[in-house]
PDB file of all heavy atoms in Angstrom:
ATOM      1  N   PRO A   1       8.741  48.589  47.052  1.00  0.00           N
ATOM      2  CA  PRO A   1       9.562  47.370  46.896  1.00  0.00           C
ATOM      3  C   PRO A   1       9.608  46.870  45.452  1.00  0.00           C
ATOM      4  O   PRO A   1      10.665  46.472  44.966  1.00  0.00           O
ATOM      5  CB  PRO A   1       8.867  46.360  47.816  1.00  0.00           C
ATOM      6  CG  PRO A   1       8.185  47.196  48.843  1.00  0.00           C
ATOM      7  CD  PRO A   1       7.721  48.420  48.097  1.00  0.00           C
ATOM      8  N   THR A   2       8.466  46.922  44.764  1.00  0.00           N
ATOM      9  CA  THR A   2       8.429  46.471  43.366  1.00  0.00           C
ATOM     10  C   THR A   2       9.227  47.412  42.472  1.00  0.00           C
ATOM     11  O   THR A   2       9.989  46.954  41.598  1.00  0.00           O
ATOM     12  CB  THR A   2       6.965  46.400  42.879  1.00  0.00           C
ATOM     13  OG1 THR A   2       6.237  45.492  43.703  1.00  0.00           O
ATOM     14  CG2 THR A   2       6.906  45.928  41.428  1.00  0.00           C
ATOM     15  N   LEU A   3       9.070  48.708  42.675  1.00  0.00           N
ATOM     16  CA  LEU A   3       9.801  49.687  41.866  1.00  0.00           C
ATOM     17  C   LEU A   3      11.310  49.541  42.088  1.00  0.00           C
ATOM     18  O   LEU A   3      12.102  49.630  41.152  1.00  0.00           O
ATOM     19  CB  LEU A   3       9.366  51.112  42.229  1.00  0.00           C
ATOM     20  CG  LEU A   3       7.876  51.432  42.064  1.00  0.00           C
ATOM     21  CD1 LEU A   3       7.597  52.887  42.412  1.00  0.00           C
ATOM     22  CD2 LEU A   3       7.404  51.137  40.644  1.00  0.00           C
ATOM     23  N   THR A   4      11.699  49.316  43.339  1.00  0.00           N
ATOM     24  CA  THR A   4      13.117  49.136  43.659  1.00  0.00           C
ATOM     25  C   THR A   4      13.667  47.899  42.969  1.00  0.00           C
ATOM     26  O   THR A   4      14.780  47.920  42.427  1.00  0.00           O
ATOM     27  CB  THR A   4      13.307  49.014  45.179  1.00  0.00           C
ATOM     28  OG1 THR A   4      12.756  50.176  45.812  1.00  0.00           O
ATOM     29  CG2 THR A   4      14.783  48.902  45.532  1.00  0.00           C
ATOM     30  N   ASN A   5      12.898  46.823  42.960  1.00  0.00           N
ATOM     31  CA  ASN A   5      13.338  45.590  42.293  1.00  0.00           C
ATOM     32  C   ASN A   5      13.521  45.811  40.790  1.00  0.00           C
ATOM     33  O   ASN A   5      14.453  45.279  40.180  1.00  0.00           O
ATOM     34  CB  ASN A   5      12.329  44.464  42.546  1.00  0.00           C
ATOM     35  CG  ASN A   5      12.400  43.932  43.963  1.00  0.00           C
ATOM     36  OD1 ASN A   5      13.440  44.049  44.617  1.00  0.00           O
ATOM     37  ND2 ASN A   5      11.309  43.362  44.449  1.00  0.00           N
ATOM     38  N   ILE A   6      12.613  46.578  40.180  1.00  0.00           N
ATOM     39  CA  ILE A   6      12.699  46.850  38.745  1.00  0.00           C
ATOM     40  C   ILE A   6      13.993  47.595  38.423  1.00  0.00           C
ATOM     41  O   ILE A   6      14.730  47.246  37.501  1.00  0.00           O
ATOM     42  CB  ILE A   6      11.476  47.671  38.277  1.00  0.00           C
ATOM     43  CG1 ILE A   6      10.209  46.807  38.346  1.00  0.00           C
ATOM     44  CG2 ILE A   6      11.682  48.192  36.856  1.00  0.00           C
ATOM     45  CD1 ILE A   6       8.931  47.584  38.072  1.00  0.00           C
ATOM     46  N   ILE A   7      14.292  48.630  39.223  1.00  0.00           N
ATOM     47  CA  ILE A   7      15.493  49.437  38.988  1.00  0.00           C
ATOM     48  C   ILE A   7      16.753  48.617  39.250  1.00  0.00           C
ATOM     49  O   ILE A   7      17.704  48.635  38.457  1.00  0.00           O
ATOM     50  CB  ILE A   7      15.476  50.705  39.863  1.00  0.00           C
ATOM     51  CG1 ILE A   7      14.325  51.614  39.439  1.00  0.00           C
ATOM     52  CG2 ILE A   7      16.794  51.448  39.767  1.00  0.00           C
ATOM     53  CD1 ILE A   7      14.130  52.829  40.325  1.00  0.00           C
ATOM     54  N   ASN A   8      16.769  47.887  40.357  1.00  0.00           N
ATOM     55  CA  ASN A   8      17.955  47.074  40.685  1.00  0.00           C
ATOM     56  C   ASN A   8      18.216  46.005  39.630  1.00  0.00           C
ATOM     57  O   ASN A   8      19.368  45.732  39.280  1.00  0.00           O
ATOM     58  CB  ASN A   8      17.788  46.425  42.059  1.00  0.00           C
ATOM     59  CG  ASN A   8      17.996  47.404  43.198  1.00  0.00           C
ATOM     60  OD1 ASN A   8      18.628  48.451  43.014  1.00  0.00           O
ATOM     61  ND2 ASN A   8      17.443  47.110  44.357  1.00  0.00           N
ATOM     62  N   PHE A   9      17.143  45.392  39.125  1.00  0.00           N
ATOM     63  CA  PHE A   9      17.324  44.367  38.090  1.00  0.00           C
ATOM     64  C   PHE A   9      17.835  44.997  36.805  1.00  0.00           C
ATOM     65  O   PHE A   9      18.664  44.413  36.093  1.00  0.00           O
ATOM     66  CB  PHE A   9      16.010  43.635  37.817  1.00  0.00           C
ATOM     67  CG  PHE A   9      16.141  42.535  36.798  1.00  0.00           C
ATOM     68  CD1 PHE A   9      16.735  41.327  37.146  1.00  0.00           C
ATOM     69  CD2 PHE A   9      15.689  42.720  35.501  1.00  0.00           C
ATOM     70  CE1 PHE A   9      16.879  40.318  36.197  1.00  0.00           C
ATOM     71  CE2 PHE A   9      15.827  41.720  34.555  1.00  0.00           C
ATOM     72  CZ  PHE A   9      16.425  40.510  34.902  1.00  0.00           C
ATOM     73  N   SER A  10      17.355  46.201  36.481  1.00  0.00           N
ATOM     74  CA  SER A  10      17.844  46.909  35.299  1.00  0.00           C
ATOM     75  C   SER A  10      19.343  47.156  35.395  1.00  0.00           C
ATOM     76  O   SER A  10      20.092  46.914  34.440  1.00  0.00           O
ATOM     77  CB  SER A  10      17.100  48.245  35.141  1.00  0.00           C
ATOM     78  OG  SER A  10      17.680  49.045  34.123  1.00  0.00           O
ATOM     79  N   LEU A  11      19.802  47.616  36.566  1.00  0.00           N
ATOM     80  CA  LEU A  11      21.216  47.921  36.747  1.00  0.00           C
ATOM     81  C   LEU A  11      22.074  46.656  36.756  1.00  0.00           C
ATOM     82  O   LEU A  11      23.153  46.634  36.157  1.00  0.00           O
ATOM     83  CB  LEU A  11      21.419  48.697  38.054  1.00  0.00           C
ATOM     84  CG  LEU A  11      20.723  50.058  38.160  1.00  0.00           C
ATOM     85  CD1 LEU A  11      21.008  50.696  39.495  1.00  0.00           C
ATOM     86  CD2 LEU A  11      21.145  50.975  37.034  1.00  0.00           C
ATOM     87  N   SER A  12      21.612  45.621  37.439  1.00  0.00           N
ATOM     88  CA  SER A  12      22.417  44.399  37.556  1.00  0.00           C
ATOM     89  C   SER A  12      22.471  43.610  36.260  1.00  0.00           C
ATOM     90  O   SER A  12      23.447  42.910  35.992  1.00  0.00           O
ATOM     91  CB  SER A  12      21.869  43.515  38.689  1.00  0.00           C
ATOM     92  OG  SER A  12      20.544  43.099  38.398  1.00  0.00           O
ATOM     93  N   SER A  13      21.422  43.721  35.441  1.00  0.00           N
ATOM     94  CA  SER A  13      21.383  42.983  34.177  1.00  0.00           C
ATOM     95  C   SER A  13      21.967  43.777  33.011  1.00  0.00           C
ATOM     96  O   SER A  13      22.202  43.225  31.937  1.00  0.00           O
ATOM     97  CB  SER A  13      19.942  42.578  33.839  1.00  0.00           C
ATOM     98  OG  SER A  13      19.153  43.742  33.606  1.00  0.00           O
ATOM     99  N   GLY A  14      22.201  45.073  33.216  1.00  0.00           N
ATOM    100  CA  GLY A  14      22.729  45.904  32.146  1.00  0.00           C
ATOM    101  C   GLY A  14      21.712  46.158  31.043  1.00  0.00           C
ATOM    102  O   GLY A  14      22.085  46.344  29.886  1.00  0.00           O
ATOM    103  N   THR A  15      20.443  46.174  31.412  1.00  0.00           N
ATOM    104  CA  THR A  15      19.364  46.345  30.423  1.00  0.00           C
ATOM    105  C   THR A  15      18.408  47.428  30.874  1.00  0.00           C
ATOM    106  O   THR A  15      17.899  47.393  31.995  1.00  0.00           O
ATOM    107  CB  THR A  15      18.586  45.035  30.229  1.00  0.00           C
ATOM    108  OG1 THR A  15      19.487  43.992  29.883  1.00  0.00           O
ATOM    109  CG2 THR A  15      17.549  45.193  29.124  1.00  0.00           C
ATOM    110  N   PHE A  16      18.173  48.387  29.980  1.00  0.00           N
ATOM    111  CA  PHE A  16      17.164  49.414  30.244  1.00  0.00           C
ATOM    112  C   PHE A  16      15.854  48.901  29.673  1.00  0.00           C
ATOM    113  O   PHE A  16      15.780  48.576  28.479  1.00  0.00           O
ATOM    114  CB  PHE A  16      17.573  50.723  29.569  1.00  0.00           C
ATOM    115  CG  PHE A  16      16.763  51.915  29.975  1.00  0.00           C
ATOM    116  CD1 PHE A  16      16.787  52.371  31.285  1.00  0.00           C
ATOM    117  CD2 PHE A  16      15.993  52.609  29.045  1.00  0.00           C
ATOM    118  CE1 PHE A  16      16.053  53.488  31.670  1.00  0.00           C
ATOM    119  CE2 PHE A  16      15.260  53.723  29.413  1.00  0.00           C
ATOM    120  CZ  PHE A  16      15.289  54.163  30.740  1.00  0.00           C
ATOM    121  N   PRO A  17      14.792  48.792  30.484  1.00  0.00           N
ATOM    122  CA  PRO A  17      13.532  48.202  30.000  1.00  0.00           C
ATOM    123  C   PRO A  17      13.043  48.820  28.701  1.00  0.00           C
ATOM    124  O   PRO A  17      13.074  50.049  28.546  1.00  0.00           O
ATOM    125  CB  PRO A  17      12.567  48.487  31.160  1.00  0.00           C
ATOM    126  CG  PRO A  17      13.446  48.559  32.366  1.00  0.00           C
ATOM    127  CD  PRO A  17      14.721  49.201  31.894  1.00  0.00           C
ATOM    128  N   SER A  18      12.609  47.975  27.785  1.00  0.00           N
ATOM    129  CA  SER A  18      12.181  48.454  26.471  1.00  0.00           C
ATOM    130  C   SER A  18      10.998  49.407  26.560  1.00  0.00           C
ATOM    131  O   SER A  18      10.867  50.337  25.757  1.00  0.00           O
ATOM    132  CB  SER A  18      11.835  47.274  25.564  1.00  0.00           C
ATOM    133  OG  SER A  18      10.820  46.462  26.157  1.00  0.00           O
ATOM    134  N   THR A  19      10.115  49.190  27.553  1.00  0.00           N
ATOM    135  CA  THR A  19       8.952  50.075  27.703  1.00  0.00           C
ATOM    136  C   THR A  19       9.362  51.479  28.136  1.00  0.00           C
ATOM    137  O   THR A  19       8.597  52.431  27.979  1.00  0.00           O
ATOM    138  CB  THR A  19       7.964  49.505  28.738  1.00  0.00           C
ATOM    139  OG1 THR A  19       8.668  49.235  29.961  1.00  0.00           O
ATOM    140  CG2 THR A  19       7.342  48.221  28.231  1.00  0.00           C
ATOM    141  N   PHE A  20      10.579  51.604  28.700  1.00  0.00           N
ATOM    142  CA  PHE A  20      11.073  52.910  29.132  1.00  0.00           C
ATOM    143  C   PHE A  20      11.724  53.673  27.968  1.00  0.00           C
ATOM    144  O   PHE A  20      12.084  54.832  28.121  1.00  0.00           O
ATOM    145  CB  PHE A  20      12.108  52.765  30.241  1.00  0.00           C
ATOM    146  CG  PHE A  20      11.545  52.266  31.546  1.00  0.00           C
ATOM    147  CD1 PHE A  20      12.392  52.000  32.625  1.00  0.00           C
ATOM    148  CD2 PHE A  20      10.193  52.047  31.699  1.00  0.00           C
ATOM    149  CE1 PHE A  20      11.884  51.548  33.833  1.00  0.00           C
ATOM    150  CE2 PHE A  20       9.675  51.586  32.899  1.00  0.00           C
ATOM    151  CZ  PHE A  20      10.519  51.332  33.964  1.00  0.00           C
ATOM    152  N   ARG A  21      11.907  53.020  26.831  1.00  0.00           N
ATOM    153  CA  ARG A  21      12.630  53.634  25.722  1.00  0.00           C
ATOM    154  C   ARG A  21      11.719  54.316  24.717  1.00  0.00           C
ATOM    155  O   ARG A  21      12.162  54.708  23.641  1.00  0.00           O
ATOM    156  CB  ARG A  21      13.509  52.585  25.017  1.00  0.00           C
ATOM    157  CG  ARG A  21      14.744  52.188  25.805  1.00  0.00           C
ATOM    158  CD  ARG A  21      15.545  51.119  25.089  1.00  0.00           C
ATOM    159  NE  ARG A  21      15.463  49.844  25.783  1.00  0.00           N
ATOM    160  CZ  ARG A  21      15.890  48.704  25.300  1.00  0.00           C
ATOM    161  NH1 ARG A  21      16.399  48.659  24.091  1.00  0.00           N
ATOM    162  NH2 ARG A  21      15.800  47.597  25.989  1.00  0.00           N
ATOM    163  N   SER A  22      10.464  54.441  25.049  1.00  0.00           N
ATOM    164  CA  SER A  22       9.509  55.120  24.175  1.00  0.00           C
ATOM    165  C   SER A  22       9.253  56.525  24.693  1.00  0.00           C
ATOM    166  O   SER A  22       9.280  56.772  25.897  1.00  0.00           O
ATOM    167  CB  SER A  22       8.193  54.341  24.115  1.00  0.00           C
ATOM    168  OG  SER A  22       8.400  53.045  23.589  1.00  0.00           O
ATOM    169  N   ALA A  23       9.026  57.443  23.765  1.00  0.00           N
ATOM    170  CA  ALA A  23       8.774  58.840  24.126  1.00  0.00           C
ATOM    171  C   ALA A  23       7.637  59.404  23.295  1.00  0.00           C
ATOM    172  O   ALA A  23       7.423  58.995  22.151  1.00  0.00           O
ATOM    173  CB  ALA A  23      10.036  59.677  23.927  1.00  0.00           C
ATOM    174  N   VAL A  24       6.925  60.332  23.904  1.00  0.00           N
ATOM    175  CA  VAL A  24       5.911  61.107  23.188  1.00  0.00           C
ATOM    176  C   VAL A  24       6.434  62.535  23.099  1.00  0.00           C
ATOM    177  O   VAL A  24       6.659  63.178  24.131  1.00  0.00           O
ATOM    178  CB  VAL A  24       4.548  61.066  23.909  1.00  0.00           C
ATOM    179  CG1 VAL A  24       3.551  61.978  23.204  1.00  0.00           C
ATOM    180  CG2 VAL A  24       4.016  59.650  23.974  1.00  0.00           C
ATOM    181  N   VAL A  25       6.669  63.001  21.887  1.00  0.00           N
ATOM    182  CA  VAL A  25       7.264  64.323  21.688  1.00  0.00           C
ATOM    183  C   VAL A  25       6.164  65.362  21.512  1.00  0.00           C
ATOM    184  O   VAL A  25       5.296  65.228  20.651  1.00  0.00           O
ATOM    185  CB  VAL A  25       8.196  64.331  20.460  1.00  0.00           C
ATOM    186  CG1 VAL A  25       8.723  65.738  20.194  1.00  0.00           C
ATOM    187  CG2 VAL A  25       9.350  63.362  20.680  1.00  0.00           C
ATOM    188  N   LYS A  26       6.222  66.397  22.350  1.00  0.00           N
ATOM    189  CA  LYS A  26       5.299  67.521  22.234  1.00  0.00           C
ATOM    190  C   LYS A  26       6.106  68.766  21.884  1.00  0.00           C
ATOM    191  O   LYS A  26       6.869  69.259  22.727  1.00  0.00           O
ATOM    192  CB  LYS A  26       4.533  67.726  23.544  1.00  0.00           C
ATOM    193  CG  LYS A  26       3.571  66.602  23.878  1.00  0.00           C
ATOM    194  CD  LYS A  26       2.768  66.913  25.117  1.00  0.00           C
ATOM    195  CE  LYS A  26       1.748  65.814  25.397  1.00  0.00           C
ATOM    196  NZ  LYS A  26       0.952  66.103  26.604  1.00  0.00           N
ATOM    197  N   PRO A  27       6.000  69.253  20.642  1.00  0.00           N
ATOM    198  CA  PRO A  27       6.761  70.451  20.254  1.00  0.00           C
ATOM    199  C   PRO A  27       6.330  71.671  21.060  1.00  0.00           C
ATOM    200  O   PRO A  27       5.148  71.962  21.183  1.00  0.00           O
ATOM    201  CB  PRO A  27       6.397  70.621  18.762  1.00  0.00           C
ATOM    202  CG  PRO A  27       5.836  69.291  18.333  1.00  0.00           C
ATOM    203  CD  PRO A  27       5.177  68.724  19.549  1.00  0.00           C
ATOM    204  N   LEU A  28       7.320  72.352  21.625  1.00  0.00           N
ATOM    205  CA  LEU A  28       7.058  73.555  22.408  1.00  0.00           C
ATOM    206  C   LEU A  28       7.788  74.736  21.784  1.00  0.00           C
ATOM    207  O   LEU A  28       8.959  74.614  21.395  1.00  0.00           O
ATOM    208  CB  LEU A  28       7.510  73.365  23.846  1.00  0.00           C
ATOM    209  CG  LEU A  28       6.821  72.261  24.666  1.00  0.00           C
ATOM    210  CD1 LEU A  28       7.451  72.168  26.048  1.00  0.00           C
ATOM    211  CD2 LEU A  28       5.334  72.524  24.780  1.00  0.00           C
ATOM    212  N   LEU A  29       7.118  75.879  21.724  1.00  0.00           N
ATOM    213  CA  LEU A  29       7.761  77.083  21.212  1.00  0.00           C
ATOM    214  C   LEU A  29       8.919  77.479  22.110  1.00  0.00           C
ATOM    215  O   LEU A  29       8.790  77.492  23.330  1.00  0.00           O
ATOM    216  CB  LEU A  29       6.757  78.237  21.141  1.00  0.00           C
ATOM    217  CG  LEU A  29       5.981  78.435  19.837  1.00  0.00           C
ATOM    218  CD1 LEU A  29       5.000  79.591  19.999  1.00  0.00           C
ATOM    219  CD2 LEU A  29       6.904  78.710  18.662  1.00  0.00           C
ATOM    220  N   LYS A  30      10.073  77.788  21.503  1.00  0.00           N
ATOM    221  CA  LYS A  30      11.240  78.188  22.279  1.00  0.00           C
ATOM    222  C   LYS A  30      10.973  79.489  23.017  1.00  0.00           C
ATOM    223  O   LYS A  30      11.428  79.680  24.144  1.00  0.00           O
ATOM    224  CB  LYS A  30      12.456  78.321  21.366  1.00  0.00           C
ATOM    225  CG  LYS A  30      12.868  77.007  20.710  1.00  0.00           C
ATOM    226  CD  LYS A  30      14.040  77.194  19.768  1.00  0.00           C
ATOM    227  CE  LYS A  30      14.431  75.884  19.107  1.00  0.00           C
ATOM    228  NZ  LYS A  30      15.553  76.059  18.146  1.00  0.00           N
ATOM    229  N   LYS A  31      10.250  80.395  22.375  1.00  0.00           N
ATOM    230  CA  LYS A  31       9.855  81.648  22.998  1.00  0.00           C
ATOM    231  C   LYS A  31       8.444  81.989  22.549  1.00  0.00           C
ATOM    232  O   LYS A  31       8.063  81.709  21.414  1.00  0.00           O
ATOM    233  CB  LYS A  31      10.801  82.789  22.596  1.00  0.00           C
ATOM    234  CG  LYS A  31      12.221  82.650  23.129  1.00  0.00           C
ATOM    235  CD  LYS A  31      13.070  83.832  22.691  1.00  0.00           C
ATOM    236  CE  LYS A  31      14.501  83.700  23.200  1.00  0.00           C
ATOM    237  NZ  LYS A  31      15.347  84.850  22.759  1.00  0.00           N
ATOM    238  N   ALA A  32       7.670  82.596  23.444  1.00  0.00           N
ATOM    239  CA  ALA A  32       6.267  82.905  23.136  1.00  0.00           C
ATOM    240  C   ALA A  32       6.146  83.897  21.981  1.00  0.00           C
ATOM    241  O   ALA A  32       5.132  83.926  21.279  1.00  0.00           O
ATOM    242  CB  ALA A  32       5.575  83.446  24.373  1.00  0.00           C
ATOM    243  N   SER A  33       7.189  84.689  21.767  1.00  0.00           N
ATOM    244  CA  SER A  33       7.135  85.730  20.731  1.00  0.00           C
ATOM    245  C   SER A  33       7.448  85.195  19.331  1.00  0.00           C
ATOM    246  O   SER A  33       7.294  85.906  18.341  1.00  0.00           O
ATOM    247  CB  SER A  33       8.111  86.857  21.073  1.00  0.00           C
ATOM    248  OG  SER A  33       9.440  86.346  21.186  1.00  0.00           O
ATOM    249  N   LEU A  34       7.897  83.950  19.223  1.00  0.00           N
ATOM    250  CA  LEU A  34       8.290  83.389  17.937  1.00  0.00           C
ATOM    251  C   LEU A  34       7.077  82.969  17.106  1.00  0.00           C
ATOM    252  O   LEU A  34       5.996  82.696  17.636  1.00  0.00           O
ATOM    253  CB  LEU A  34       9.216  82.191  18.150  1.00  0.00           C
ATOM    254  CG  LEU A  34      10.566  82.491  18.799  1.00  0.00           C
ATOM    255  CD1 LEU A  34      11.341  81.211  19.047  1.00  0.00           C
ATOM    256  CD2 LEU A  34      11.388  83.433  17.913  1.00  0.00           C
ATOM    257  N   ASP A  35       7.286  82.901  15.790  1.00  0.00           N
ATOM    258  CA  ASP A  35       6.224  82.544  14.846  1.00  0.00           C
ATOM    259  C   ASP A  35       5.925  81.047  14.932  1.00  0.00           C
ATOM    260  O   ASP A  35       6.783  80.220  14.622  1.00  0.00           O
ATOM    261  CB  ASP A  35       6.676  82.912  13.431  1.00  0.00           C
ATOM    262  CG  ASP A  35       5.606  82.590  12.393  1.00  0.00           C
ATOM    263  OD1 ASP A  35       4.469  82.246  12.776  1.00  0.00           O
ATOM    264  OD2 ASP A  35       5.912  82.687  11.174  1.00  0.00           O
ATOM    265  N   PRO A  36       4.700  80.664  15.334  1.00  0.00           N
ATOM    266  CA  PRO A  36       4.370  79.233  15.449  1.00  0.00           C
ATOM    267  C   PRO A  36       4.250  78.526  14.107  1.00  0.00           C
ATOM    268  O   PRO A  36       4.166  77.296  14.064  1.00  0.00           O
ATOM    269  CB  PRO A  36       3.023  79.253  16.197  1.00  0.00           C
ATOM    270  CG  PRO A  36       2.436  80.580  15.884  1.00  0.00           C
ATOM    271  CD  PRO A  36       3.586  81.534  15.751  1.00  0.00           C
ATOM    272  N   ASN A  37       4.221  79.282  13.019  1.00  0.00           N
ATOM    273  CA  ASN A  37       4.137  78.662  11.689  1.00  0.00           C
ATOM    274  C   ASN A  37       5.497  78.213  11.176  1.00  0.00           C
ATOM    275  O   ASN A  37       5.574  77.515  10.162  1.00  0.00           O
ATOM    276  CB  ASN A  37       3.508  79.646  10.687  1.00  0.00           C
ATOM    277  CG  ASN A  37       2.059  79.951  11.029  1.00  0.00           C
ATOM    278  OD1 ASN A  37       1.290  79.043  11.341  1.00  0.00           O
ATOM    279  ND2 ASN A  37       1.689  81.214  11.003  1.00  0.00           N
ATOM    280  N   ASN A  38       6.557  78.614  11.866  1.00  0.00           N
ATOM    281  CA  ASN A  38       7.904  78.197  11.498  1.00  0.00           C
ATOM    282  C   ASN A  38       8.327  77.046  12.408  1.00  0.00           C
ATOM    283  O   ASN A  38       8.530  77.222  13.602  1.00  0.00           O
ATOM    284  CB  ASN A  38       8.875  79.369  11.632  1.00  0.00           C
ATOM    285  CG  ASN A  38      10.263  79.034  11.096  1.00  0.00           C
ATOM    286  OD1 ASN A  38      10.596  77.875  10.871  1.00  0.00           O
ATOM    287  ND2 ASN A  38      11.078  80.053  10.877  1.00  0.00           N
ATOM    288  N   LEU A  39       8.468  75.858  11.833  1.00  0.00           N
ATOM    289  CA  LEU A  39       8.762  74.672  12.643  1.00  0.00           C
ATOM    290  C   LEU A  39      10.097  74.755  13.365  1.00  0.00           C
ATOM    291  O   LEU A  39      10.309  74.106  14.372  1.00  0.00           O
ATOM    292  CB  LEU A  39       8.740  73.423  11.744  1.00  0.00           C
ATOM    293  CG  LEU A  39       7.382  73.086  11.095  1.00  0.00           C
ATOM    294  CD1 LEU A  39       7.494  71.813  10.260  1.00  0.00           C
ATOM    295  CD2 LEU A  39       6.301  72.931  12.151  1.00  0.00           C
TER     296      LEU A  39
END
């Protein structure tokens, strides 16, 4: 019920919660065979 209220309020108010706009980026190799020293 609480999660539903959060989402519904986001949609009805036209606001995406600021805490949802943060990201932690973890670089991943595109292929295991590639050189990890090349960014």
